[in-house]
C-alpha atoms as a PDB file:
ATOM      1  CA  UNK A   1      21.498  49.982 -28.117  1.00  0.00           C
ATOM      2  CA  UNK A   2      22.034  47.550 -25.186  1.00  0.00           C
ATOM      3  CA  UNK A   3      21.636  43.836 -25.741  1.00  0.00           C
ATOM      4  CA  UNK A   4      21.086  41.699 -22.686  1.00  0.00           C
ATOM      5  CA  UNK A   5      22.635  38.302 -22.742  1.00  0.00           C
ATOM      6  CA  UNK A   6      20.937  35.638 -20.756  1.00  0.00           C
ATOM      7  CA  UNK A   7      22.698  32.428 -19.853  1.00  0.00           C
ATOM      8  CA  UNK A   8      20.455  29.671 -18.674  1.00  0.00           C
ATOM      9  CA  UNK A   9      21.938  26.984 -16.518  1.00  0.00           C
ATOM     10  CA  UNK A  10      19.969  23.799 -16.430  1.00  0.00           C
ATOM     11  CA  UNK A  11      20.587  21.506 -13.536  1.00  0.00           C
ATOM     12  CA  UNK A  12      19.153  18.019 -13.550  1.00  0.00           C
ATOM     13  CA  UNK A  13      19.268  16.064 -10.321  1.00  0.00           C
ATOM     14  CA  UNK A  14      19.827  12.355 -10.812  1.00  0.00           C
ATOM     15  CA  UNK A  15      19.863   9.751  -8.068  1.00  0.00           C
ATOM     16  CA  UNK A  16      23.052   7.772  -7.707  1.00  0.00           C
ATOM     17  CA  UNK A  17      21.036   4.575  -7.755  1.00  0.00           C
ATOM     18  CA  UNK A  18      18.219   4.523 -10.298  1.00  0.00           C
ATOM     19  CA  UNK A  19      16.159   2.126  -8.148  1.00  0.00           C
ATOM     20  CA  UNK A  20      15.968   4.774  -5.394  1.00  0.00           C
ATOM     21  CA  UNK A  21      13.935   7.103  -7.613  1.00  0.00           C
ATOM     22  CA  UNK A  22      10.429   7.895  -6.395  1.00  0.00           C
ATOM     23  CA  UNK A  23       8.074  10.203  -8.197  1.00  0.00           C
ATOM     24  CA  UNK A  24       6.477  12.929  -6.096  1.00  0.00           C
ATOM     25  CA  UNK A  25       2.731  12.984  -6.586  1.00  0.00           C
ATOM     26  CA  UNK A  26       1.095  14.997  -3.776  1.00  0.00           C
ATOM     27  CA  UNK A  27       2.782  17.453  -1.394  1.00  0.00           C
ATOM     28  CA  UNK A  28       6.220  16.043  -2.192  1.00  0.00           C
ATOM     29  CA  UNK A  29       5.122  12.517  -1.234  1.00  0.00           C
ATOM     30  CA  UNK A  30       4.956   9.484  -3.438  1.00  0.00           C
ATOM     31  CA  UNK A  31       1.532   8.002  -4.125  1.00  0.00           C
ATOM     32  CA  UNK A  32       2.187   5.204  -1.630  1.00  0.00           C
ATOM     33  CA  UNK A  33       3.249   7.615   1.112  1.00  0.00           C
ATOM     34  CA  UNK A  34       0.257   9.857   0.400  1.00  0.00           C
ATOM     35  CA  UNK A  35      -2.228   6.968   0.624  1.00  0.00           C
ATOM     36  CA  UNK A  36      -0.766   5.738   3.922  1.00  0.00           C
ATOM     37  CA  UNK A  37      -0.786   9.304   5.273  1.00  0.00           C
ATOM     38  CA  UNK A  38      -4.483   9.568   4.411  1.00  0.00           C
ATOM     39  CA  UNK A  39      -5.096   6.231   6.143  1.00  0.00           C
ATOM     40  CA  UNK A  40      -3.263   7.450   9.241  1.00  0.00           C
ATOM     41  CA  UNK A  41      -5.343  10.644   9.307  1.00  0.00           C
ATOM     42  CA  UNK A  42      -8.556   8.660   8.791  1.00  0.00           C
ATOM     43  CA  UNK A  43      -7.726   6.293  11.644  1.00  0.00           C
ATOM     44  CA  UNK A  44      -6.863   9.203  13.946  1.00  0.00           C
ATOM     45  CA  UNK A  45     -10.122  11.028  13.163  1.00  0.00           C
ATOM     46  CA  UNK A  46     -12.156   7.838  13.538  1.00  0.00           C
ATOM     47  CA  UNK A  47     -10.562   7.043  16.890  1.00  0.00           C
ATOM     48  CA  UNK A  48     -11.148  10.612  18.049  1.00  0.00           C
ATOM     49  CA  UNK A  49     -14.901  10.488  17.415  1.00  0.00           C
ATOM     50  CA  UNK A  50     -15.234   6.912  18.716  1.00  0.00           C
ATOM     51  CA  UNK A  51     -13.264   7.323  21.956  1.00  0.00           C
ATOM     52  CA  UNK A  52     -13.977  10.989  22.858  1.00  0.00           C
ATOM     53  CA  UNK A  53     -17.299  10.363  24.656  1.00  0.00           C
ATOM     54  CA  UNK A  54     -15.755   7.685  26.863  1.00  0.00           C
ATOM     55  CA  UNK A  55     -12.399   9.081  28.073  1.00  0.00           C
ATOM     56  CA  UNK A  56     -10.629  12.403  28.632  1.00  0.00           C
ATOM     57  CA  UNK A  57      -9.059  14.563  25.934  1.00  0.00           C
ATOM     58  CA  UNK A  58      -5.458  13.694  26.820  1.00  0.00           C
ATOM     59  CA  UNK A  59      -6.155   9.979  26.577  1.00  0.00           C
ATOM     60  CA  UNK A  60      -7.989  10.478  23.286  1.00  0.00           C
ATOM     61  CA  UNK A  61      -5.023  12.356  21.819  1.00  0.00           C
ATOM     62  CA  UNK A  62      -2.594   9.585  22.804  1.00  0.00           C
ATOM     63  CA  UNK A  63      -4.911   6.896  21.432  1.00  0.00           C
ATOM     64  CA  UNK A  64      -5.164   8.790  18.126  1.00  0.00           C
ATOM     65  CA  UNK A  65      -1.373   9.023  17.885  1.00  0.00           C
ATOM     66  CA  UNK A  66      -0.900   5.345  18.717  1.00  0.00           C
ATOM     67  CA  UNK A  67      -3.622   4.297  16.276  1.00  0.00           C
ATOM     68  CA  UNK A  68      -2.270   6.375  13.384  1.00  0.00           C
ATOM     69  CA  UNK A  69       1.439   5.604  13.942  1.00  0.00           C
ATOM     70  CA  UNK A  70       1.498   2.140  12.296  1.00  0.00           C
ATOM     71  CA  UNK A  71      -0.084   3.478   9.108  1.00  0.00           C
ATOM     72  CA  UNK A  72       2.307   6.425   9.000  1.00  0.00           C
ATOM     73  CA  UNK A  73       5.297   4.134   9.511  1.00  0.00           C
ATOM     74  CA  UNK A  74       4.143   1.677   6.829  1.00  0.00           C
ATOM     75  CA  UNK A  75       4.086   4.455   4.252  1.00  0.00           C
ATOM     76  CA  UNK A  76       7.655   5.586   4.782  1.00  0.00           C
ATOM     77  CA  UNK A  77       9.661   2.552   5.924  1.00  0.00           C
ATOM     78  CA  UNK A  78      12.041   0.650   3.630  1.00  0.00           C
ATOM     79  CA  UNK A  79      14.203  -2.247   4.715  1.00  0.00           C
ATOM     80  CA  UNK A  80      16.791  -3.781   2.380  1.00  0.00           C
ATOM     81  CA  UNK A  81      15.057  -2.115  -0.554  1.00  0.00           C
ATOM     82  CA  UNK A  82      11.673  -3.646   0.293  1.00  0.00           C
ATOM     83  CA  UNK A  83       8.590  -1.715   1.261  1.00  0.00           C
ATOM     84  CA  UNK A  84       6.941  -2.551   4.573  1.00  0.00           C
ATOM     85  CA  UNK A  85       4.335  -4.819   2.943  1.00  0.00           C
ATOM     86  CA  UNK A  86       6.981  -6.719   0.990  1.00  0.00           C
ATOM     87  CA  UNK A  87       9.079  -7.141   4.128  1.00  0.00           C
ATOM     88  CA  UNK A  88       6.116  -8.370   6.196  1.00  0.00           C
ATOM     89  CA  UNK A  89       5.149 -10.804   3.423  1.00  0.00           C
ATOM     90  CA  UNK A  90       8.724 -12.133   3.200  1.00  0.00           C
ATOM     91  CA  UNK A  91       8.997 -12.437   6.989  1.00  0.00           C
ATOM     92  CA  UNK A  92       5.709 -14.370   7.297  1.00  0.00           C
ATOM     93  CA  UNK A  93       6.734 -16.639   4.431  1.00  0.00           C
ATOM     94  CA  UNK A  94      10.156 -17.393   5.906  1.00  0.00           C
ATOM     95  CA  UNK A  95       9.033 -17.807   9.524  1.00  0.00           C
ATOM     96  CA  UNK A  96       5.659 -19.513   9.259  1.00  0.00           C
ATOM     97  CA  UNK A  97       4.888 -20.827   5.779  1.00  0.00           C
ATOM     98  CA  UNK A  98       8.266 -22.358   4.966  1.00  0.00           C
ATOM     99  CA  UNK A  99       9.872 -23.193   8.319  1.00  0.00           C
ATOM    100  CA  UNK A 100      13.073 -25.156   8.009  1.00  0.00           C
ATOM    101  CA  UNK A 101      15.201 -27.073  10.442  1.00  0.00           C
ATOM    102  CA  UNK A 102      18.719 -26.353   9.272  1.00  0.00           C
ATOM    103  CA  UNK A 103      21.447 -28.860  10.110  1.00  0.00           C
ATOM    104  CA  UNK A 104      25.112 -28.600   9.399  1.00  0.00           C
ATOM    105  CA  UNK A 105      26.753 -31.633   7.859  1.00  0.00           C
ATOM    106  CA  UNK A 106      30.394 -30.980   7.092  1.00  0.00           C
ATOM    107  CA  UNK A 107      31.846 -32.590   3.984  1.00  0.00           C
ATOM    108  CA  UNK A 108      35.453 -32.810   3.006  1.00  0.00           C
ATOM    109  CA  UNK A 109      35.364 -32.018  -0.698  1.00  0.00           C
ATOM    110  CA  UNK A 110      39.056 -32.815  -1.111  1.00  0.00           C
ATOM    111  CA  UNK A 111      38.492 -36.306   0.338  1.00  0.00           C
ATOM    112  CA  UNK A 112      35.411 -36.887  -1.848  1.00  0.00           C
ATOM    113  CA  UNK A 113      37.389 -36.051  -5.001  1.00  0.00           C
ATOM    114  CA  UNK A 114      40.331 -38.268  -4.082  1.00  0.00           C
ATOM    115  CA  UNK A 115      38.354 -41.067  -2.385  1.00  0.00           C
ATOM    116  CA  UNK A 116      38.982 -43.629  -5.126  1.00  0.00           C
ATOM    117  CA  UNK A 117      42.714 -42.970  -5.182  1.00  0.00           C
ATOM    118  CA  UNK A 118      43.012 -43.138  -1.384  1.00  0.00           C
ATOM    119  CA  UNK A 119      41.112 -46.434  -1.153  1.00  0.00           C
ATOM    120  CA  UNK A 120      43.174 -48.031  -3.925  1.00  0.00           C
ATOM    121  CA  UNK A 121      46.413 -47.040  -2.146  1.00  0.00           C
ATOM    122  CA  UNK A 122      45.106 -48.511   1.114  1.00  0.00           C
ATOM    123  CA  UNK A 123      44.351 -51.819  -0.674  1.00  0.00           C
ATOM    124  CA  UNK A 124      47.852 -51.872  -2.176  1.00  0.00           C
ATOM    125  CA  UNK A 125      49.368 -51.201   1.227  1.00  0.00           C
ATOM    126  CA  UNK A 126      47.355 -54.058   2.760  1.00  0.00           C
ATOM    127  CA  UNK A 127      48.531 -56.469   0.016  1.00  0.00           C
ATOM    128  CA  UNK A 128      52.161 -55.548   0.683  1.00  0.00           C
ATOM    129  CA  UNK A 129      51.884 -56.262   4.403  1.00  0.00           C
ATOM    130  CA  UNK A 130      50.282 -59.695   3.865  1.00  0.00           C
END
């Protein structure tokens, strides 16, 4: 009697950085990417039916691409670990809501620490010369 031996090899893929993990929900996309993809498709279809009676087909196709591109980009872009919305929010906050005029005022920390000692030596030197 022949006994078949079966060896199962389990392989678990783990991201090097745990914060880079995204769960695939629909068609290999995360929920966020899927929602923005649907928005991009909706904008393209809406532009197609709105613009088609007024201009030629080639122009309509380019307008659909240009209208859908921002939504498609927003779903997939990440900058310094922030999603597009987080980055836009941080940029608006830093540029418009909390504008700052930065000035550079150098300080000599060594002099600040030893200021008392330096001034007392100067006074002693002045008393000697008088």
